[in-house]
Amino acid sequence: MALVCGADDAEAMQAWGEANEDWLDRFLELPHGAPTQDVFLSVFGALDPDRLGTVFRSWVQLLDTRRSEGGGQIAVDGKTNRRTFDRATDQPPLHMVSAWLVEAGLVLGQVATDKKSNEITAIPELLDLLDLDGATVTIDAMGCQKAIAAAIVDGGGAYLVAVKDNQPTLRRDLADPSRRNGHLLR
């Protein structure tokens, strides 16, 4: 609940819990008060990310909210999580690629990028986890790759991908009406 209300780290979660302890007492037994940041960090550290991801995806599939007419819009984007780096161990910050079901306001899945990689390798991995049938997948210019577009189409979806200088020939073709083929839209 603290995260939904804007808390972005364990310290803020503790502060939110303390500020809302009377309200939380109506729903939860908190014999020792609101959890401290140390408790939150211990719990998060003990979680197996792969197992948590599997359980979360199963839960999302049970919701089956995307079965509306037209399949819905799935926005795919990557973000670097603040304060997840560790200078002492030379651990880079955690970068996650998420699939957001726009109509439901729900994250359908997330995949962490490899330490020496980027979103281009993580996006296909994420798409493999999703039911894309009938959906329109939107991705920023980082995802403007033939293999990514093919994975979306193979999954039964359509795509809308930003084009920037990372694809100079495609960008030039889109900008020049005489070079566009009949399948490209502006």
C-alpha atoms as a PDB file:
ATOM      1  CA  MET A   1       0.000   0.000   0.000  1.00  0.00           C
ATOM      2  CA  ALA A   2       2.899   2.328   0.737  1.00  0.00           C
ATOM      3  CA  LEU A   3       4.253   1.873  -2.785  1.00  0.00           C
ATOM      4  CA  VAL A   4       0.872   2.686  -4.307  1.00  0.00           C
ATOM      5  CA  CYS A   5       0.862   5.857  -2.210  1.00  0.00           C
ATOM      6  CA  GLY A   6       4.259   6.950  -3.538  1.00  0.00           C
ATOM      7  CA  ALA A   7       6.803   5.400  -1.168  1.00  0.00           C
ATOM      8  CA  ASP A   8       9.831   4.475  -3.257  1.00  0.00           C
ATOM      9  CA  ASP A   9      12.150   2.804  -0.772  1.00  0.00           C
ATOM     10  CA  ALA A  10      12.088   0.906   2.528  1.00  0.00           C
ATOM     11  CA  GLU A  11      12.582   4.050   4.622  1.00  0.00           C
ATOM     12  CA  ALA A  12       9.573   5.728   2.975  1.00  0.00           C
ATOM     13  CA  MET A  13       7.535   2.525   3.440  1.00  0.00           C
ATOM     14  CA  GLN A  14       8.317   2.594   7.163  1.00  0.00           C
ATOM     15  CA  ALA A  15       7.357   6.287   7.397  1.00  0.00           C
ATOM     16  CA  TRP A  16       4.094   5.607   5.545  1.00  0.00           C
ATOM     17  CA  GLY A  17       3.300   2.684   7.866  1.00  0.00           C
ATOM     18  CA  GLU A  18       3.945   4.779  10.964  1.00  0.00           C
ATOM     19  CA  ALA A  19       1.834   7.662   9.641  1.00  0.00           C
ATOM     20  CA  ASN A  20      -1.048   5.294   8.821  1.00  0.00           C
ATOM     21  CA  GLU A  21      -0.732   2.844  11.715  1.00  0.00           C
ATOM     22  CA  ASP A  22      -4.194   3.634  13.165  1.00  0.00           C
ATOM     23  CA  TRP A  23      -5.806   2.955   9.803  1.00  0.00           C
ATOM     24  CA  LEU A  24      -3.740  -0.232   9.251  1.00  0.00           C
ATOM     25  CA  ASP A  25      -4.785  -1.538  12.687  1.00  0.00           C
ATOM     26  CA  ARG A  26      -8.335  -1.843  11.371  1.00  0.00           C
ATOM     27  CA  PHE A  27      -7.195  -4.510   8.855  1.00  0.00           C
ATOM     28  CA  LEU A  28      -3.962  -5.991  10.199  1.00  0.00           C
ATOM     29  CA  GLU A  29      -2.646  -7.250  13.500  1.00  0.00           C
ATOM     30  CA  LEU A  30       0.502  -5.252  14.163  1.00  0.00           C
ATOM     31  CA  PRO A  31       1.515  -6.218  17.710  1.00  0.00           C
ATOM     32  CA  HIS A  32       4.963  -4.641  17.262  1.00  0.00           C
ATOM     33  CA  GLY A  33       3.775  -1.591  15.329  1.00  0.00           C
ATOM     34  CA  ALA A  34       4.369  -0.790  11.681  1.00  0.00           C
ATOM     35  CA  PRO A  35       7.251  -2.738  10.109  1.00  0.00           C
ATOM     36  CA  THR A  36      10.621  -1.003  10.084  1.00  0.00           C
ATOM     37  CA  GLN A  37      12.752  -0.503   7.008  1.00  0.00           C
ATOM     38  CA  ASP A  38      14.970  -3.363   8.231  1.00  0.00           C
ATOM     39  CA  VAL A  39      11.977  -5.722   8.182  1.00  0.00           C
ATOM     40  CA  PHE A  40      11.037  -4.635   4.650  1.00  0.00           C
ATOM     41  CA  LEU A  41      14.613  -5.067   3.423  1.00  0.00           C
ATOM     42  CA  SER A  42      14.897  -8.514   5.034  1.00  0.00           C
ATOM     43  CA  VAL A  43      11.657  -9.676   3.410  1.00  0.00           C
ATOM     44  CA  PHE A  44      12.591  -8.283  -0.017  1.00  0.00           C
ATOM     45  CA  GLY A  45      16.068  -9.798   0.255  1.00  0.00           C
ATOM     46  CA  ALA A  46      14.621 -13.222   1.001  1.00  0.00           C
ATOM     47  CA  LEU A  47      12.306 -13.240  -2.031  1.00  0.00           C
ATOM     48  CA  ASP A  48      13.326 -15.304  -5.049  1.00  0.00           C
ATOM     49  CA  PRO A  49      12.722 -12.922  -8.013  1.00  0.00           C
ATOM     50  CA  ASP A  50      12.037 -15.742 -10.488  1.00  0.00           C
ATOM     51  CA  ARG A  51       9.485 -17.439  -8.232  1.00  0.00           C
ATOM     52  CA  LEU A  52       7.837 -14.143  -7.364  1.00  0.00           C
ATOM     53  CA  GLY A  53       7.617 -13.302 -11.077  1.00  0.00           C
ATOM     54  CA  THR A  54       6.035 -16.686 -11.830  1.00  0.00           C
ATOM     55  CA  VAL A  55       3.436 -16.286  -9.078  1.00  0.00           C
ATOM     56  CA  PHE A  56       2.716 -12.706 -10.114  1.00  0.00           C
ATOM     57  CA  ARG A  57       2.225 -13.629 -13.781  1.00  0.00           C
ATOM     58  CA  SER A  58      -0.102 -16.463 -12.753  1.00  0.00           C
ATOM     59  CA  TRP A  59      -2.149 -14.020 -10.701  1.00  0.00           C
ATOM     60  CA  VAL A  60      -2.334 -11.569 -13.589  1.00  0.00           C
ATOM     61  CA  GLN A  61      -3.461 -14.333 -15.943  1.00  0.00           C
ATOM     62  CA  LEU A  62      -6.254 -15.180 -13.525  1.00  0.00           C
ATOM     63  CA  LEU A  63      -7.485 -11.613 -13.720  1.00  0.00           C
ATOM     64  CA  ASP A  64      -7.751 -11.974 -17.498  1.00  0.00           C
ATOM     65  CA  THR A  65      -8.655  -8.313 -17.766  1.00  0.00           C
ATOM     66  CA  ARG A  66      -7.321  -7.951 -21.274  1.00  0.00           C
ATOM     67  CA  ARG A  67     -10.058 -10.045 -22.865  1.00  0.00           C
ATOM     68  CA  SER A  68     -11.938  -6.973 -23.964  1.00  0.00           C
ATOM     69  CA  GLU A  69     -12.802  -6.342 -27.598  1.00  0.00           C
ATOM     70  CA  GLY A  70      -9.669  -5.251 -29.452  1.00  0.00           C
ATOM     71  CA  GLY A  71      -7.186  -6.866 -27.053  1.00  0.00           C
ATOM     72  CA  GLY A  72      -6.035  -3.701 -25.317  1.00  0.00           C
ATOM     73  CA  GLN A  73      -2.843  -1.656 -25.372  1.00  0.00           C
ATOM     74  CA  ILE A  74       0.318  -2.979 -23.788  1.00  0.00           C
ATOM     75  CA  ALA A  75       2.982  -0.314 -23.237  1.00  0.00           C
ATOM     76  CA  VAL A  76       6.507  -1.733 -22.950  1.00  0.00           C
ATOM     77  CA  ASP A  77       9.155   0.461 -21.349  1.00  0.00           C
ATOM     78  CA  GLY A  78      12.369   0.180 -19.405  1.00  0.00           C
ATOM     79  CA  LYS A  79      13.320   2.047 -16.263  1.00  0.00           C
ATOM     80  CA  THR A  80      16.340   2.101 -14.002  1.00  0.00           C
ATOM     81  CA  ASN A  81      15.354   1.722 -10.349  1.00  0.00           C
ATOM     82  CA  ARG A  82      16.748   4.418  -8.097  1.00  0.00           C
ATOM     83  CA  ARG A  83      19.157   3.489  -5.331  1.00  0.00           C
ATOM     84  CA  THR A  84      19.610  -0.112  -6.488  1.00  0.00           C
ATOM     85  CA  PHE A  85      23.333   0.221  -7.230  1.00  0.00           C
ATOM     86  CA  ASP A  86      26.079  -0.821  -4.818  1.00  0.00           C
ATOM     87  CA  ARG A  87      29.398   0.953  -5.284  1.00  0.00           C
ATOM     88  CA  ALA A  88      31.128  -1.288  -2.735  1.00  0.00           C
ATOM     89  CA  THR A  89      30.524  -4.405  -4.848  1.00  0.00           C
ATOM     90  CA  ASP A  90      30.501  -2.592  -8.222  1.00  0.00           C
ATOM     91  CA  GLN A  91      26.851  -3.665  -8.659  1.00  0.00           C
ATOM     92  CA  PRO A  92      25.143  -1.522 -11.329  1.00  0.00           C
ATOM     93  CA  PRO A  93      21.602  -0.236 -10.777  1.00  0.00           C
ATOM     94  CA  LEU A  94      18.720  -2.586 -11.560  1.00  0.00           C
ATOM     95  CA  HIS A  95      17.143  -1.892 -14.948  1.00  0.00           C
ATOM     96  CA  MET A  96      13.701  -3.438 -15.532  1.00  0.00           C
ATOM     97  CA  VAL A  97      11.591  -3.699 -18.670  1.00  0.00           C
ATOM     98  CA  SER A  98       7.867  -3.695 -17.876  1.00  0.00           C
ATOM     99  CA  ALA A  99       4.703  -4.438 -19.825  1.00  0.00           C
ATOM    100  CA  TRP A 100       1.844  -2.172 -18.718  1.00  0.00           C
ATOM    101  CA  LEU A 101      -1.777  -2.982 -19.585  1.00  0.00           C
ATOM    102  CA  VAL A 102      -2.974   0.571 -20.179  1.00  0.00           C
ATOM    103  CA  GLU A 103      -6.741   0.059 -19.799  1.00  0.00           C
ATOM    104  CA  ALA A 104      -6.440  -1.770 -16.488  1.00  0.00           C
ATOM    105  CA  GLY A 105      -3.524   0.225 -15.055  1.00  0.00           C
ATOM    106  CA  LEU A 106      -1.750  -3.065 -14.373  1.00  0.00           C
ATOM    107  CA  VAL A 107       1.790  -4.316 -14.874  1.00  0.00           C
ATOM    108  CA  LEU A 108       1.528  -7.629 -16.733  1.00  0.00           C
ATOM    109  CA  GLY A 109       5.161  -8.596 -16.322  1.00  0.00           C
ATOM    110  CA  GLN A 110       8.723  -7.398 -15.785  1.00  0.00           C
ATOM    111  CA  VAL A 111      12.139  -8.648 -16.815  1.00  0.00           C
ATOM    112  CA  ALA A 112      15.481  -7.376 -15.545  1.00  0.00           C
ATOM    113  CA  THR A 113      18.116  -6.601 -18.132  1.00  0.00           C
ATOM    114  CA  ASP A 114      21.388  -8.464 -17.870  1.00  0.00           C
ATOM    115  CA  LYS A 115      24.227  -6.484 -16.306  1.00  0.00           C
ATOM    116  CA  LYS A 116      26.064  -6.110 -19.626  1.00  0.00           C
ATOM    117  CA  SER A 117      23.008  -5.778 -21.832  1.00  0.00           C
ATOM    118  CA  ASN A 118      20.072  -3.472 -22.505  1.00  0.00           C
ATOM    119  CA  GLU A 119      16.366  -3.415 -23.288  1.00  0.00           C
ATOM    120  CA  ILE A 120      16.847  -4.831 -26.797  1.00  0.00           C
ATOM    121  CA  THR A 121      17.626  -8.270 -25.347  1.00  0.00           C
ATOM    122  CA  ALA A 122      15.116  -8.058 -22.472  1.00  0.00           C
ATOM    123  CA  ILE A 123      12.068  -7.018 -24.531  1.00  0.00           C
ATOM    124  CA  PRO A 124      11.778 -10.313 -26.495  1.00  0.00           C
ATOM    125  CA  GLU A 125      12.125 -12.239 -23.227  1.00  0.00           C
ATOM    126  CA  LEU A 126       9.258 -10.202 -21.740  1.00  0.00           C
ATOM    127  CA  LEU A 127       7.084 -10.569 -24.849  1.00  0.00           C
ATOM    128  CA  ASP A 128       7.481 -14.361 -24.645  1.00  0.00           C
ATOM    129  CA  LEU A 129       5.767 -14.257 -21.239  1.00  0.00           C
ATOM    130  CA  LEU A 130       2.677 -12.388 -22.477  1.00  0.00           C
ATOM    131  CA  ASP A 131      -0.499 -13.221 -24.356  1.00  0.00           C
ATOM    132  CA  LEU A 132      -0.303 -10.700 -27.202  1.00  0.00           C
ATOM    133  CA  ASP A 133      -3.300 -11.974 -29.163  1.00  0.00           C
ATOM    134  CA  GLY A 134      -5.284  -8.948 -30.342  1.00  0.00           C
ATOM    135  CA  ALA A 135      -3.197  -6.465 -28.366  1.00  0.00           C
ATOM    136  CA  THR A 136      -1.424  -3.368 -29.643  1.00  0.00           C
ATOM    137  CA  VAL A 137       2.076  -3.174 -28.190  1.00  0.00           C
ATOM    138  CA  THR A 138       3.718   0.261 -27.948  1.00  0.00           C
ATOM    139  CA  ILE A 139       7.469   0.622 -27.455  1.00  0.00           C
ATOM    140  CA  ASP A 140       9.899   3.540 -27.512  1.00  0.00           C
ATOM    141  CA  ALA A 141      12.702   3.796 -30.081  1.00  0.00           C
ATOM    142  CA  MET A 142      14.917   1.368 -28.141  1.00  0.00           C
ATOM    143  CA  GLY A 143      12.521  -1.392 -29.206  1.00  0.00           C
ATOM    144  CA  CYS A 144      12.562  -0.484 -32.906  1.00  0.00           C
ATOM    145  CA  GLN A 145      14.070  -3.817 -33.979  1.00  0.00           C
ATOM    146  CA  LYS A 146      12.917  -6.279 -36.647  1.00  0.00           C
ATOM    147  CA  ALA A 147      13.096  -9.237 -34.244  1.00  0.00           C
ATOM    148  CA  ILE A 148      10.938  -7.439 -31.678  1.00  0.00           C
ATOM    149  CA  ALA A 149       8.321  -6.491 -34.283  1.00  0.00           C
ATOM    150  CA  ALA A 150       8.312 -10.084 -35.564  1.00  0.00           C
ATOM    151  CA  ALA A 151       7.822 -11.463 -32.036  1.00  0.00           C
ATOM    152  CA  ILE A 152       4.785  -9.223 -31.538  1.00  0.00           C
ATOM    153  CA  VAL A 153       3.226 -10.216 -34.871  1.00  0.00           C
ATOM    154  CA  ASP A 154       4.018 -13.901 -34.245  1.00  0.00           C
ATOM    155  CA  GLY A 155       2.210 -13.559 -30.903  1.00  0.00           C
ATOM    156  CA  GLY A 156      -0.927 -12.271 -32.636  1.00  0.00           C
ATOM    157  CA  GLY A 157      -0.446  -8.611 -31.786  1.00  0.00           C
ATOM    158  CA  ALA A 158       0.109  -5.352 -33.602  1.00  0.00           C
ATOM    159  CA  TYR A 159       2.770  -2.791 -32.763  1.00  0.00           C
ATOM    160  CA  LEU A 160       3.405   0.929 -32.679  1.00  0.00           C
ATOM    161  CA  VAL A 161       7.110   1.666 -32.318  1.00  0.00           C
ATOM    162  CA  ALA A 162       8.878   5.015 -32.144  1.00  0.00           C
ATOM    163  CA  VAL A 163      11.550   5.609 -34.772  1.00  0.00           C
ATOM    164  CA  LYS A 164      14.544   7.837 -34.110  1.00  0.00           C
ATOM    165  CA  ASP A 165      18.115   8.010 -35.313  1.00  0.00           C
ATOM    166  CA  ASN A 166      18.743   4.462 -34.072  1.00  0.00           C
ATOM    167  CA  GLN A 167      17.164   3.337 -37.382  1.00  0.00           C
ATOM    168  CA  PRO A 168      18.368   5.999 -39.869  1.00  0.00           C
ATOM    169  CA  THR A 169      17.206   4.272 -43.064  1.00  0.00           C
ATOM    170  CA  LEU A 170      13.739   3.579 -41.702  1.00  0.00           C
ATOM    171  CA  ARG A 171      13.478   7.109 -40.346  1.00  0.00           C
ATOM    172  CA  ARG A 172      14.494   8.569 -43.710  1.00  0.00           C
ATOM    173  CA  ASP A 173      11.981   6.349 -45.512  1.00  0.00           C
ATOM    174  CA  LEU A 174       9.191   7.419 -43.174  1.00  0.00           C
ATOM    175  CA  ALA A 175      10.047  11.112 -43.534  1.00  0.00           C
ATOM    176  CA  ASP A 176      10.138  11.004 -47.358  1.00  0.00           C
ATOM    177  CA  PRO A 177       6.702  10.165 -48.836  1.00  0.00           C
ATOM    178  CA  SER A 178       8.296   9.040 -52.102  1.00  0.00           C
ATOM    179  CA  ARG A 179      10.279   6.342 -50.261  1.00  0.00           C
ATOM    180  CA  ARG A 180       7.420   4.938 -48.143  1.00  0.00           C
ATOM    181  CA  ASN A 181       5.929   1.626 -49.117  1.00  0.00           C
ATOM    182  CA  GLY A 182       2.208   1.051 -48.691  1.00  0.00           C
ATOM    183  CA  HIS A 183       2.626  -0.705 -45.323  1.00  0.00           C
ATOM    184  CA  LEU A 184       4.276   2.141 -43.451  1.00  0.00           C
ATOM    185  CA  LEU A 185       2.192   4.731 -41.669  1.00  0.00           C
ATOM    186  CA  ARG A 186       3.371   8.040 -40.406  1.00  0.00           C
END
